[in-house]
Amino acid sequence: MAGLLLVRDIQKLYNLNWLKPEHLYFPPPNNLEELSKNEIHLQKKLKKHNIQIQYKSKFLEPLIG
């Protein structure tokens, strides 16, 4: 329902008549809750084992120095 309303608003604002609700994926709320629980569990696990994830972007590297 929210996806359909959002698509209609975007269609009107930007004249995007080709945009359809199925182009935007909105997971059900219970899936979002499950995903957030899994993410919290993963963060606690990483913190417990003192694991740090570093991400180095090759795109930004020349810009930063």
N, C-alpha and C. Protein backbone atom coordinates (compact mmCIF):
# COMPACT_ATOMS: atom_id res chain seq x y z
N MET A 1 0.82 -1.19 0.00
CA MET A 1 0.00 0.00 0.00
C MET A 1 0.87 1.26 0.00
N ALA A 2 1.86 1.29 0.89
CA ALA A 2 2.73 2.47 0.96
C ALA A 2 3.51 2.64 -0.34
N GLY A 3 3.92 1.51 -0.92
CA GLY A 3 4.66 1.57 -2.18
C GLY A 3 3.83 2.17 -3.29
N LEU A 4 2.55 1.80 -3.34
CA LEU A 4 1.66 2.31 -4.37
C LEU A 4 1.47 3.82 -4.23
N LEU A 5 1.28 4.29 -3.00
CA LEU A 5 1.12 5.73 -2.77
C LEU A 5 2.39 6.50 -3.10
N LEU A 6 3.52 5.93 -2.74
CA LEU A 6 4.79 6.58 -3.04
C LEU A 6 5.02 6.66 -4.54
N VAL A 7 4.70 5.60 -5.25
CA VAL A 7 4.86 5.59 -6.71
C VAL A 7 3.96 6.63 -7.35
N ARG A 8 2.73 6.75 -6.88
CA ARG A 8 1.82 7.75 -7.44
C ARG A 8 2.34 9.17 -7.23
N ASP A 9 2.88 9.42 -6.03
CA ASP A 9 3.44 10.75 -5.74
C ASP A 9 4.63 11.05 -6.64
N ILE A 10 5.51 10.07 -6.81
CA ILE A 10 6.69 10.26 -7.65
C ILE A 10 6.27 10.46 -9.10
N GLN A 11 5.26 9.71 -9.55
CA GLN A 11 4.78 9.86 -10.93
C GLN A 11 4.28 11.28 -11.17
N LYS A 12 3.53 11.81 -10.21
CA LYS A 12 2.98 13.16 -10.37
C LYS A 12 4.07 14.23 -10.29
N LEU A 13 4.99 14.09 -9.33
CA LEU A 13 6.02 15.10 -9.14
C LEU A 13 6.99 15.19 -10.31
N TYR A 14 7.40 14.04 -10.81
CA TYR A 14 8.47 14.02 -11.81
C TYR A 14 8.00 13.55 -13.19
N ASN A 15 6.70 13.38 -13.36
CA ASN A 15 6.12 12.96 -14.64
C ASN A 15 6.75 11.65 -15.12
N LEU A 16 6.82 10.68 -14.23
CA LEU A 16 7.39 9.37 -14.55
C LEU A 16 6.26 8.36 -14.69
N ASN A 17 5.59 8.37 -15.80
CA ASN A 17 4.44 7.49 -16.00
C ASN A 17 4.83 6.03 -16.14
N TRP A 18 6.07 5.76 -16.49
CA TRP A 18 6.51 4.38 -16.66
C TRP A 18 6.77 3.67 -15.33
N LEU A 19 6.91 4.43 -14.25
CA LEU A 19 7.23 3.86 -12.95
C LEU A 19 6.05 3.08 -12.39
N LYS A 20 6.30 1.86 -11.96
CA LYS A 20 5.24 1.00 -11.41
C LYS A 20 5.61 0.59 -9.98
N PRO A 21 4.62 0.25 -9.15
CA PRO A 21 4.90 -0.12 -7.76
C PRO A 21 5.88 -1.29 -7.64
N GLU A 22 5.85 -2.22 -8.58
CA GLU A 22 6.76 -3.37 -8.47
C GLU A 22 8.22 -2.99 -8.73
N HIS A 23 8.45 -1.79 -9.26
CA HIS A 23 9.82 -1.33 -9.44
C HIS A 23 10.47 -0.99 -8.10
N LEU A 24 9.66 -0.65 -7.12
CA LEU A 24 10.16 -0.35 -5.78
C LEU A 24 9.80 -1.50 -4.86
N TYR A 25 10.77 -2.06 -4.21
CA TYR A 25 10.53 -3.21 -3.34
C TYR A 25 10.41 -2.73 -1.90
N PHE A 26 9.28 -3.02 -1.29
CA PHE A 26 9.06 -2.69 0.11
C PHE A 26 8.81 -3.99 0.87
N PRO A 27 9.79 -4.46 1.64
CA PRO A 27 9.58 -5.71 2.38
C PRO A 27 8.52 -5.53 3.46
N PRO A 28 7.80 -6.59 3.78
CA PRO A 28 6.80 -6.51 4.85
C PRO A 28 7.46 -6.14 6.18
N PRO A 29 6.71 -5.47 7.07
CA PRO A 29 7.29 -5.02 8.35
C PRO A 29 7.90 -6.15 9.18
N ASN A 30 7.30 -7.35 9.15
CA ASN A 30 7.86 -8.44 9.96
C ASN A 30 9.24 -8.85 9.44
N ASN A 31 9.47 -8.75 8.13
CA ASN A 31 10.80 -9.03 7.58
C ASN A 31 11.80 -7.97 8.02
N LEU A 32 11.37 -6.72 8.09
CA LEU A 32 12.26 -5.65 8.54
C LEU A 32 12.67 -5.87 9.99
N GLU A 33 11.72 -6.30 10.81
CA GLU A 33 12.02 -6.57 12.21
C GLU A 33 13.02 -7.71 12.34
N GLU A 34 12.82 -8.75 11.55
CA GLU A 34 13.73 -9.89 11.56
C GLU A 34 15.13 -9.47 11.10
N LEU A 35 15.19 -8.65 10.05
CA LEU A 35 16.49 -8.18 9.56
C LEU A 35 17.21 -7.33 10.59
N SER A 36 16.46 -6.48 11.30
CA SER A 36 17.10 -5.63 12.30
C SER A 36 17.60 -6.46 13.48
N LYS A 37 16.85 -7.49 13.87
CA LYS A 37 17.32 -8.38 14.95
C LYS A 37 18.60 -9.08 14.54
N ASN A 38 18.65 -9.56 13.30
CA ASN A 38 19.86 -10.23 12.81
C ASN A 38 21.04 -9.27 12.77
N GLU A 39 20.80 -8.03 12.37
CA GLU A 39 21.87 -7.04 12.30
C GLU A 39 22.39 -6.71 13.70
N ILE A 40 21.49 -6.56 14.66
CA ILE A 40 21.90 -6.29 16.04
C ILE A 40 22.72 -7.45 16.59
N HIS A 41 22.27 -8.67 16.31
CA HIS A 41 22.99 -9.87 16.76
C HIS A 41 24.40 -9.91 16.15
N LEU A 42 24.50 -9.60 14.87
CA LEU A 42 25.79 -9.60 14.20
C LEU A 42 26.71 -8.53 14.79
N GLN A 43 26.18 -7.34 15.06
CA GLN A 43 26.99 -6.27 15.64
C GLN A 43 27.52 -6.65 17.01
N LYS A 44 26.68 -7.29 17.83
CA LYS A 44 27.11 -7.73 19.16
C LYS A 44 28.19 -8.79 19.05
N LYS A 45 28.03 -9.69 18.09
CA LYS A 45 29.00 -10.76 17.88
C LYS A 45 30.35 -10.18 17.44
N LEU A 46 30.32 -9.22 16.53
CA LEU A 46 31.56 -8.60 16.07
C LEU A 46 32.25 -7.83 17.19
N LYS A 47 31.45 -7.15 18.01
CA LYS A 47 32.01 -6.38 19.12
C LYS A 47 32.61 -7.32 20.17
N LYS A 48 31.94 -8.45 20.42
CA LYS A 48 32.40 -9.42 21.41
C LYS A 48 33.77 -9.97 21.01
N HIS A 49 33.97 -10.22 19.75
CA HIS A 49 35.23 -10.79 19.27
C HIS A 49 36.21 -9.72 18.80
N ASN A 50 35.85 -8.47 19.03
CA ASN A 50 36.70 -7.32 18.68
C ASN A 50 37.10 -7.36 17.20
N ILE A 51 36.13 -7.56 16.35
CA ILE A 51 36.36 -7.58 14.91
C ILE A 51 35.99 -6.23 14.34
N GLN A 52 36.90 -5.67 13.57
CA GLN A 52 36.64 -4.39 12.92
C GLN A 52 36.70 -4.60 11.41
N ILE A 53 35.72 -4.09 10.73
CA ILE A 53 35.66 -4.21 9.28
C ILE A 53 36.06 -2.87 8.69
N GLN A 54 37.06 -2.89 7.84
CA GLN A 54 37.51 -1.67 7.18
C GLN A 54 37.18 -1.78 5.70
N TYR A 55 36.67 -0.71 5.16
CA TYR A 55 36.30 -0.68 3.75
C TYR A 55 37.13 0.40 3.07
N LYS A 56 37.79 0.02 2.01
CA LYS A 56 38.61 0.98 1.28
C LYS A 56 38.07 1.07 -0.14
N SER A 57 37.62 2.22 -0.50
CA SER A 57 37.04 2.43 -1.82
C SER A 57 38.12 2.88 -2.79
N LYS A 58 38.22 2.17 -3.91
CA LYS A 58 39.20 2.56 -4.93
C LYS A 58 38.74 3.82 -5.65
N PHE A 59 37.45 4.10 -5.61
CA PHE A 59 36.93 5.29 -6.27
C PHE A 59 37.32 6.56 -5.50
N LEU A 60 37.22 6.52 -4.17
CA LEU A 60 37.50 7.70 -3.36
C LEU A 60 38.98 7.88 -3.05
N GLU A 61 39.77 6.83 -3.20
CA GLU A 61 41.18 6.88 -2.84
C GLU A 61 41.93 8.01 -3.55
N PRO A 62 41.79 8.19 -4.87
CA PRO A 62 42.51 9.30 -5.52
C PRO A 62 42.04 10.68 -5.04
N LEU A 63 40.78 10.78 -4.63
CA LEU A 63 40.25 12.06 -4.18
C LEU A 63 40.78 12.45 -2.81
N ILE A 64 40.95 11.44 -1.95
CA ILE A 64 41.38 11.69 -0.57
C ILE A 64 42.89 11.87 -0.49
N GLY A 65 43.60 11.11 -1.27
CA GLY A 65 45.05 11.29 -1.27
C GLY A 65 45.70 10.02 -1.09
